[in-house]
């Protein structure tokens, strides 16, 4: 009952074959790494392209309220008052403000 079939794999033959395959893979490790990085880079570019071209659905558009779409910026009254006080107290700043108001594109 100890007869071997022709399809059986002997473990003693498997170890040298694995060593030979490992040496071959180490020889081409730089190329394999480059191919791996290129595949990851290609996948990321494909996902960016796919996600950047997505249009909002009608339900997304209708769920946004008009108040969110037309937000008006506001400035705190205390901040405005402090800026006006600083402008009035400093002649250099006052000259800077006046000059900028007269000619905003002057450097």
N, C-alpha and C. Protein backbone atom coordinates (compact mmCIF):
# COMPACT_ATOMS: atom_id res chain seq x y z
N UNK A 1 0.80 -1.18 0.00
CA UNK A 1 0.00 0.00 0.00
C UNK A 1 0.85 1.26 0.00
N UNK A 2 2.08 1.13 -0.12
CA UNK A 2 2.94 2.29 -0.13
C UNK A 2 3.33 2.68 -1.55
N UNK A 3 2.57 2.24 -2.52
CA UNK A 3 2.88 2.60 -3.89
C UNK A 3 2.49 4.06 -4.14
N UNK A 4 3.33 4.80 -4.89
CA UNK A 4 3.08 6.21 -5.17
C UNK A 4 2.41 6.34 -6.52
N UNK A 5 1.48 7.26 -6.57
CA UNK A 5 0.82 7.56 -7.84
C UNK A 5 1.71 8.53 -8.60
N UNK A 6 1.52 8.62 -9.88
CA UNK A 6 2.36 9.49 -10.69
C UNK A 6 2.02 10.97 -10.45
N UNK A 7 0.86 11.32 -9.93
CA UNK A 7 0.44 12.69 -9.70
C UNK A 7 0.79 13.21 -8.32
N UNK A 8 1.37 12.39 -7.46
CA UNK A 8 1.71 12.84 -6.11
C UNK A 8 2.88 13.81 -6.14
N UNK A 9 2.86 14.74 -5.22
CA UNK A 9 3.92 15.73 -5.11
C UNK A 9 4.77 15.38 -3.90
N UNK A 10 6.06 15.35 -4.13
CA UNK A 10 6.99 15.05 -3.05
C UNK A 10 7.47 16.37 -2.47
N UNK A 11 7.41 16.52 -1.14
CA UNK A 11 7.80 17.76 -0.49
C UNK A 11 9.29 18.05 -0.64
N UNK A 12 10.08 17.03 -0.79
CA UNK A 12 11.51 17.26 -0.95
C UNK A 12 11.82 17.91 -2.31
N UNK A 13 10.97 17.73 -3.27
CA UNK A 13 11.14 18.38 -4.57
C UNK A 13 10.53 19.79 -4.58
N UNK A 14 9.63 20.04 -3.67
CA UNK A 14 8.94 21.32 -3.62
C UNK A 14 9.85 22.44 -3.09
N UNK A 15 10.68 22.16 -2.11
CA UNK A 15 11.55 23.17 -1.51
C UNK A 15 12.55 23.73 -2.53
N UNK A 16 13.26 22.93 -3.30
CA UNK A 16 14.17 23.51 -4.30
C UNK A 16 13.43 24.31 -5.39
N UNK A 17 12.24 23.88 -5.74
CA UNK A 17 11.47 24.61 -6.75
C UNK A 17 11.05 25.98 -6.21
N UNK A 18 10.67 26.04 -4.93
CA UNK A 18 10.31 27.32 -4.32
C UNK A 18 11.53 28.24 -4.22
N UNK A 19 12.69 27.69 -3.88
CA UNK A 19 13.91 28.50 -3.82
C UNK A 19 14.25 29.07 -5.18
N UNK A 20 14.10 28.28 -6.21
CA UNK A 20 14.39 28.73 -7.57
C UNK A 20 13.41 29.83 -7.99
N UNK A 21 12.15 29.67 -7.65
CA UNK A 21 11.14 30.69 -7.97
C UNK A 21 11.38 31.98 -7.19
N UNK A 22 11.83 31.86 -5.95
CA UNK A 22 12.12 33.03 -5.14
C UNK A 22 13.31 33.81 -5.70
N UNK A 23 14.35 33.09 -6.16
CA UNK A 23 15.50 33.76 -6.77
C UNK A 23 15.09 34.51 -8.03
N UNK A 24 14.22 33.91 -8.83
CA UNK A 24 13.77 34.56 -10.07
C UNK A 24 12.91 35.79 -9.75
N UNK A 25 12.08 35.70 -8.73
CA UNK A 25 11.24 36.85 -8.37
C UNK A 25 12.08 37.98 -7.77
N UNK A 26 13.15 37.66 -7.03
CA UNK A 26 14.03 38.69 -6.50
C UNK A 26 14.80 39.39 -7.63
N UNK A 27 15.10 38.66 -8.67
CA UNK A 27 15.82 39.24 -9.80
C UNK A 27 14.99 40.32 -10.48
N UNK A 28 13.69 40.11 -10.53
CA UNK A 28 12.79 41.05 -11.20
C UNK A 28 11.97 41.87 -10.20
N UNK A 29 12.42 42.00 -8.98
CA UNK A 29 11.64 42.68 -7.95
C UNK A 29 11.44 44.17 -8.28
N UNK A 30 12.43 44.82 -8.86
CA UNK A 30 12.29 46.23 -9.23
C UNK A 30 11.21 46.44 -10.26
N UNK A 31 11.21 45.59 -11.26
CA UNK A 31 10.19 45.69 -12.32
C UNK A 31 8.81 45.38 -11.76
N UNK A 32 8.73 44.36 -10.89
CA UNK A 32 7.44 44.01 -10.29
C UNK A 32 6.93 45.14 -9.39
N UNK A 33 7.82 45.78 -8.66
CA UNK A 33 7.42 46.90 -7.82
C UNK A 33 6.92 48.06 -8.68
N UNK A 34 7.63 48.35 -9.77
CA UNK A 34 7.21 49.42 -10.69
C UNK A 34 5.84 49.12 -11.28
N UNK A 35 5.58 47.89 -11.66
CA UNK A 35 4.28 47.51 -12.21
C UNK A 35 3.20 47.66 -11.14
N UNK A 36 3.51 47.28 -9.91
CA UNK A 36 2.55 47.42 -8.81
C UNK A 36 2.20 48.89 -8.57
N UNK A 37 3.22 49.75 -8.51
CA UNK A 37 2.99 51.18 -8.28
C UNK A 37 2.20 51.78 -9.44
N UNK A 38 2.50 51.38 -10.67
CA UNK A 38 1.77 51.90 -11.83
C UNK A 38 0.31 51.47 -11.78
N UNK A 39 0.03 50.25 -11.35
CA UNK A 39 -1.36 49.79 -11.24
C UNK A 39 -2.11 50.58 -10.17
N UNK A 40 -1.48 50.82 -9.02
CA UNK A 40 -2.12 51.59 -7.96
C UNK A 40 -2.38 53.02 -8.43
N UNK A 41 -1.40 53.62 -9.10
CA UNK A 41 -1.54 54.98 -9.62
C UNK A 41 -2.66 55.05 -10.66
N UNK A 42 -2.73 54.07 -11.54
CA UNK A 42 -3.80 54.03 -12.53
C UNK A 42 -5.16 53.89 -11.89
N UNK A 43 -5.25 53.04 -10.86
CA UNK A 43 -6.53 52.86 -10.17
C UNK A 43 -6.97 54.17 -9.51
N UNK A 44 -6.04 54.87 -8.87
CA UNK A 44 -6.38 56.13 -8.21
C UNK A 44 -6.84 57.16 -9.24
N UNK A 45 -6.15 57.26 -10.36
CA UNK A 45 -6.57 58.19 -11.41
C UNK A 45 -7.95 57.85 -11.95
N UNK A 46 -8.23 56.56 -12.10
CA UNK A 46 -9.54 56.14 -12.59
C UNK A 46 -10.64 56.52 -11.60
N UNK A 47 -10.38 56.32 -10.30
CA UNK A 47 -11.38 56.67 -9.28
C UNK A 47 -11.60 58.18 -9.22
N UNK A 48 -10.53 58.96 -9.34
CA UNK A 48 -10.68 60.42 -9.32
C UNK A 48 -11.50 60.88 -10.51
N UNK A 49 -11.23 60.33 -11.66
CA UNK A 49 -11.98 60.70 -12.86
C UNK A 49 -13.45 60.33 -12.71
N UNK A 50 -13.71 59.15 -12.18
CA UNK A 50 -15.08 58.69 -12.01
C UNK A 50 -15.83 59.56 -11.00
N UNK A 51 -15.20 59.85 -9.87
CA UNK A 51 -15.88 60.60 -8.82
C UNK A 51 -16.01 62.08 -9.14
N UNK A 52 -15.12 62.63 -9.95
CA UNK A 52 -15.21 64.05 -10.26
C UNK A 52 -16.28 64.35 -11.30
N UNK A 53 -16.71 63.36 -12.04
CA UNK A 53 -17.71 63.60 -13.08
C UNK A 53 -19.13 63.27 -12.62
N UNK A 54 -19.33 62.97 -11.35
CA UNK A 54 -20.65 62.62 -10.83
C UNK A 54 -21.48 63.90 -10.69
N UNK A 55 -22.68 63.89 -11.21
CA UNK A 55 -23.60 65.02 -11.12
C UNK A 55 -24.57 64.78 -9.96
N UNK A 56 -25.01 65.84 -9.27
CA UNK A 56 -25.97 65.65 -8.18
C UNK A 56 -27.33 65.22 -8.73
N UNK A 57 -28.00 64.40 -7.95
CA UNK A 57 -29.33 63.94 -8.36
C UNK A 57 -30.36 65.02 -8.06
N UNK A 58 -31.56 64.84 -8.59
CA UNK A 58 -32.64 65.79 -8.34
C UNK A 58 -33.00 65.86 -6.86
N UNK A 59 -32.94 64.73 -6.16
CA UNK A 59 -33.26 64.74 -4.73
C UNK A 59 -32.19 65.51 -3.94
N UNK A 60 -30.93 65.44 -4.38
CA UNK A 60 -29.88 66.21 -3.71
C UNK A 60 -30.11 67.70 -3.89
N UNK A 61 -30.52 68.09 -5.09
CA UNK A 61 -30.75 69.51 -5.37
C UNK A 61 -31.96 70.02 -4.60
N UNK A 62 -33.03 69.24 -4.56
CA UNK A 62 -34.25 69.69 -3.88
C UNK A 62 -34.09 69.68 -2.36
N UNK A 63 -33.16 68.87 -1.83
CA UNK A 63 -33.00 68.80 -0.37
C UNK A 63 -32.23 69.99 0.18
N UNK A 64 -31.49 70.69 -0.66
CA UNK A 64 -30.77 71.87 -0.17
C UNK A 64 -31.73 73.05 -0.08
N UNK A 65 -31.69 73.72 1.04
CA UNK A 65 -32.60 74.85 1.24
C UNK A 65 -32.04 76.10 0.59
N UNK A 66 -32.90 77.04 0.20
CA UNK A 66 -32.42 78.29 -0.40
C UNK A 66 -31.56 79.11 0.55
N UNK A 67 -31.76 78.96 1.85
CA UNK A 67 -30.96 79.70 2.81
C UNK A 67 -29.50 79.28 2.74
N UNK A 68 -29.25 78.01 2.47
CA UNK A 68 -27.88 77.52 2.34
C UNK A 68 -27.24 78.03 1.06
N UNK A 69 -28.03 78.20 0.03
CA UNK A 69 -27.48 78.60 -1.26
C UNK A 69 -27.13 80.09 -1.31
N UNK A 70 -27.88 80.91 -0.58
CA UNK A 70 -27.63 82.36 -0.61
C UNK A 70 -27.22 82.84 0.78
N UNK A 71 -26.12 82.35 1.27
CA UNK A 71 -25.63 82.77 2.58
C UNK A 71 -24.98 84.14 2.46
N UNK A 72 -25.41 85.05 3.31
CA UNK A 72 -24.89 86.41 3.31
C UNK A 72 -23.88 86.53 4.45
N UNK A 73 -22.66 86.92 4.13
CA UNK A 73 -21.68 87.04 5.20
C UNK A 73 -22.00 88.24 6.08
N UNK A 74 -21.72 88.10 7.35
CA UNK A 74 -21.98 89.19 8.29
C UNK A 74 -20.73 89.43 9.12
N UNK A 75 -20.58 90.68 9.56
CA UNK A 75 -19.45 91.07 10.38
C UNK A 75 -19.99 91.54 11.72
N UNK A 76 -19.34 91.10 12.77
CA UNK A 76 -19.75 91.47 14.10
C UNK A 76 -19.60 92.99 14.30
N UNK A 77 -20.58 93.60 14.93
CA UNK A 77 -20.58 95.06 15.12
C UNK A 77 -19.42 95.51 16.01
N UNK A 78 -19.03 94.70 16.97
CA UNK A 78 -17.90 95.05 17.85
C UNK A 78 -16.60 95.11 17.05
N UNK A 79 -16.44 94.22 16.11
CA UNK A 79 -15.24 94.20 15.29
C UNK A 79 -15.18 95.45 14.42
N UNK A 80 -16.31 95.83 13.86
CA UNK A 80 -16.36 97.04 13.03
C UNK A 80 -16.01 98.26 13.88
N UNK A 81 -16.54 98.33 15.07
CA UNK A 81 -16.28 99.47 15.96
C UNK A 81 -14.79 99.52 16.33
N UNK A 82 -14.18 98.38 16.63
CA UNK A 82 -12.76 98.35 16.97
C UNK A 82 -11.90 98.79 15.79
N UNK A 83 -12.24 98.37 14.59
CA UNK A 83 -11.48 98.79 13.41
C UNK A 83 -11.60 100.29 13.17
N UNK A 84 -12.78 100.83 13.38
CA UNK A 84 -12.96 102.27 13.20
C UNK A 84 -12.18 103.06 14.24
N UNK A 85 -12.14 102.55 15.47
CA UNK A 85 -11.36 103.22 16.52
C UNK A 85 -9.88 103.18 16.20
N UNK A 86 -9.40 102.04 15.70
CA UNK A 86 -7.99 101.94 15.33
C UNK A 86 -7.66 102.88 14.16
N UNK A 87 -8.57 102.99 13.24
CA UNK A 87 -8.36 103.87 12.09
C UNK A 87 -8.29 105.33 12.54
N UNK A 88 -9.14 105.71 13.45
CA UNK A 88 -9.16 107.09 13.92
C UNK A 88 -7.96 107.43 14.80
N UNK A 89 -7.41 106.44 15.51
CA UNK A 89 -6.29 106.69 16.43
C UNK A 89 -4.95 106.78 15.73
N UNK A 90 -4.77 106.13 14.63
CA UNK A 90 -3.47 106.09 13.97
C UNK A 90 -3.50 106.88 12.67
N UNK A 91 -2.60 107.86 12.57
CA UNK A 91 -2.56 108.66 11.34
C UNK A 91 -2.00 107.86 10.18
N UNK A 92 -1.04 106.95 10.45
CA UNK A 92 -0.48 106.13 9.37
C UNK A 92 -1.53 105.20 8.79
N UNK A 93 -2.31 104.60 9.66
CA UNK A 93 -3.36 103.69 9.21
C UNK A 93 -4.44 104.49 8.48
N UNK A 94 -4.76 105.67 9.00
CA UNK A 94 -5.78 106.50 8.36
C UNK A 94 -5.35 106.88 6.95
N UNK A 95 -4.08 107.25 6.80
CA UNK A 95 -3.57 107.58 5.46
C UNK A 95 -3.61 106.36 4.55
N UNK A 96 -3.31 105.21 5.09
CA UNK A 96 -3.34 103.98 4.30
C UNK A 96 -4.75 103.67 3.84
N UNK A 97 -5.72 103.81 4.76
CA UNK A 97 -7.11 103.55 4.39
C UNK A 97 -7.60 104.55 3.35
N UNK A 98 -7.30 105.80 3.56
CA UNK A 98 -7.77 106.83 2.62
C UNK A 98 -7.16 106.62 1.24
N UNK A 99 -5.87 106.34 1.19
CA UNK A 99 -5.19 106.12 -0.09
C UNK A 99 -5.77 104.89 -0.80
N UNK A 100 -6.04 103.84 -0.06
CA UNK A 100 -6.59 102.63 -0.67
C UNK A 100 -8.00 102.84 -1.17
N UNK A 101 -8.75 103.68 -0.51
CA UNK A 101 -10.11 103.96 -0.96
C UNK A 101 -10.12 104.78 -2.24
N UNK A 102 -9.16 105.69 -2.35
CA UNK A 102 -9.11 106.55 -3.53
C UNK A 102 -8.61 105.78 -4.75
N UNK A 103 -7.57 104.98 -4.57
CA UNK A 103 -6.98 104.23 -5.68
C UNK A 103 -6.67 102.81 -5.19
N UNK A 104 -7.61 101.87 -5.32
CA UNK A 104 -7.41 100.54 -4.76
C UNK A 104 -6.34 99.72 -5.49
N UNK A 105 -5.98 100.11 -6.71
CA UNK A 105 -5.01 99.32 -7.46
C UNK A 105 -3.60 99.87 -7.35
N UNK A 106 -3.41 100.88 -6.57
CA UNK A 106 -2.09 101.47 -6.35
C UNK A 106 -1.34 100.60 -5.37
N UNK A 107 -0.08 100.36 -5.63
CA UNK A 107 0.71 99.51 -4.74
C UNK A 107 1.35 100.30 -3.65
